[in-house]
Each structure stands twice: as C-alpha cells, then as structure tokens.
C-alpha atoms as a PDB file:
ATOM      1  CA  MET A   1     -10.053 -53.356  71.641  1.00  0.00           C
ATOM      2  CA  GLN A   2     -12.596 -53.679  74.369  1.00  0.00           C
ATOM      3  CA  ASN A   3     -14.127 -50.486  75.770  1.00  0.00           C
ATOM      4  CA  ALA A   4     -12.396 -48.313  73.184  1.00  0.00           C
ATOM      5  CA  ASP A   5     -14.262 -45.404  71.593  1.00  0.00           C
ATOM      6  CA  CYS A   6     -11.774 -44.823  68.814  1.00  0.00           C
ATOM      7  CA  PHE A   7      -8.640 -46.427  67.366  1.00  0.00           C
ATOM      8  CA  VAL A   8      -5.841 -44.081  66.224  1.00  0.00           C
ATOM      9  CA  THR A   9      -3.178 -45.496  63.931  1.00  0.00           C
ATOM     10  CA  SER A  10      -0.963 -44.595  60.998  1.00  0.00           C
ATOM     11  CA  ASP A  11      -1.034 -47.923  59.210  1.00  0.00           C
ATOM     12  CA  LEU A  12      -4.480 -49.339  58.457  1.00  0.00           C
ATOM     13  CA  LYS A  13      -4.903 -51.493  55.408  1.00  0.00           C
ATOM     14  CA  TYR A  14      -7.796 -50.888  53.006  1.00  0.00           C
ATOM     15  CA  HIS A  15      -9.957 -53.821  54.164  1.00  0.00           C
ATOM     16  CA  GLU A  16      -9.340 -53.012  57.823  1.00  0.00           C
ATOM     17  CA  MET A  17     -10.645 -49.492  57.168  1.00  0.00           C
ATOM     18  CA  LEU A  18     -13.721 -50.894  55.433  1.00  0.00           C
ATOM     19  CA  ASP A  19     -14.407 -53.351  58.257  1.00  0.00           C
ATOM     20  CA  ALA A  20     -14.143 -50.620  60.870  1.00  0.00           C
ATOM     21  CA  SER A  21     -16.323 -48.276  58.838  1.00  0.00           C
ATOM     22  CA  GLU A  22     -19.017 -50.906  58.292  1.00  0.00           C
ATOM     23  CA  SER A  23     -19.029 -51.874  61.979  1.00  0.00           C
ATOM     24  CA  GLY A  24     -19.531 -48.269  63.065  1.00  0.00           C
ATOM     25  CA  PHE A  25     -16.289 -48.260  65.069  1.00  0.00           C
ATOM     26  CA  ALA A  26     -14.476 -44.914  64.965  1.00  0.00           C
ATOM     27  CA  VAL A  27     -11.045 -45.069  63.351  1.00  0.00           C
ATOM     28  CA  ILE A  28      -8.506 -42.336  62.696  1.00  0.00           C
ATOM     29  CA  ASN A  29      -5.920 -43.365  60.128  1.00  0.00           C
ATOM     30  CA  ALA A  30      -3.489 -40.489  60.604  1.00  0.00           C
ATOM     31  CA  GLY A  31      -1.018 -41.601  57.945  1.00  0.00           C
ATOM     32  CA  HIS A  32       2.735 -42.059  58.073  1.00  0.00           C
ATOM     33  CA  PHE A  33       3.616 -38.667  56.605  1.00  0.00           C
ATOM     34  CA  GLU A  34       1.344 -36.742  58.942  1.00  0.00           C
ATOM     35  CA  THR A  35       2.554 -38.528  62.083  1.00  0.00           C
ATOM     36  CA  GLU A  36       6.235 -38.593  61.154  1.00  0.00           C
ATOM     37  CA  ASN A  37       6.782 -35.210  59.502  1.00  0.00           C
ATOM     38  CA  VAL A  38       6.878 -33.085  62.692  1.00  0.00           C
ATOM     39  CA  PRO A  39       9.625 -35.176  64.352  1.00  0.00           C
ATOM     40  CA  PHE A  40      11.592 -35.092  61.084  1.00  0.00           C
ATOM     41  CA  LEU A  41      11.413 -31.291  61.049  1.00  0.00           C
ATOM     42  CA  MET A  42      12.816 -31.224  64.593  1.00  0.00           C
ATOM     43  CA  LEU A  43      15.535 -33.725  63.632  1.00  0.00           C
ATOM     44  CA  LYS A  44      16.383 -31.615  60.562  1.00  0.00           C
ATOM     45  CA  GLU A  45      16.990 -28.559  62.768  1.00  0.00           C
ATOM     46  CA  LYS A  46      19.330 -30.503  65.053  1.00  0.00           C
ATOM     47  CA  LEU A  47      21.232 -32.016  62.135  1.00  0.00           C
ATOM     48  CA  GLU A  48      21.623 -28.613  60.456  1.00  0.00           C
ATOM     49  CA  LYS A  49      23.215 -27.225  63.629  1.00  0.00           C
ATOM     50  CA  GLU A  50      25.590 -30.176  63.882  1.00  0.00           C
ATOM     51  CA  PHE A  51      26.470 -30.414  60.162  1.00  0.00           C
ATOM     52  CA  GLU A  52      26.300 -26.860  58.810  1.00  0.00           C
ATOM     53  CA  GLU A  53      27.871 -27.825  55.468  1.00  0.00           C
ATOM     54  CA  VAL A  54      25.139 -30.389  54.666  1.00  0.00           C
ATOM     55  CA  GLU A  55      21.725 -29.523  53.221  1.00  0.00           C
ATOM     56  CA  PHE A  56      18.864 -31.494  54.759  1.00  0.00           C
ATOM     57  CA  ILE A  57      15.470 -31.636  53.051  1.00  0.00           C
ATOM     58  CA  VAL A  58      12.207 -32.915  54.531  1.00  0.00           C
ATOM     59  CA  ALA A  59       9.425 -33.758  52.069  1.00  0.00           C
ATOM     60  CA  PRO A  60       7.061 -30.751  52.044  1.00  0.00           C
ATOM     61  CA  VAL A  61       3.880 -32.538  50.961  1.00  0.00           C
ATOM     62  CA  SER A  62       1.847 -35.621  51.675  1.00  0.00           C
ATOM     63  CA  ASN A  63       0.479 -37.948  49.041  1.00  0.00           C
ATOM     64  CA  PRO A  64      -2.112 -40.149  50.771  1.00  0.00           C
ATOM     65  CA  VAL A  65      -3.063 -43.240  48.812  1.00  0.00           C
ATOM     66  CA  LEU A  66      -6.113 -44.369  50.809  1.00  0.00           C
ATOM     67  CA  GLU A  67      -9.174 -42.360  51.689  1.00  0.00           C
ATOM     68  CA  ILE A  68     -12.539 -43.836  52.650  1.00  0.00           C
END
C-alpha cells in the first residue's frame, strides 16, 4: 500500500490490526455488519414488495468481536 494514508476494510484479523497500530499506519476496520447492513435493508424493502406474504428480518444490532 504505497502512498496510502489510510486503509479501509471490513475484515482485518487481530494481529493485522496490531501490526498496523504499532506501525502508526491509519486503519479503519469498518466491520461486516456495519458495511453490509445498509444494502440488506434496501434488499429487504425490494423483497417485501415482491413477496408480500413473506416476513423478512434484518439483524437490528451489531456485535463486534474485535476492538483495539
């Protein structure tokens, strides 16, 4: 990642986060839930219009497992 100021991802492993933190490189680990939930809400609306008799549920909360 030459000439990058920050790396944005949704899938950093624990040791990769530590390495980036120790090196001083800026990293944003946005998380799968946070980056995928908005498109799922849009998909839910489309599916509800197409299949009115089916109930669609999108998980309402995030449960992050890694914070540094």
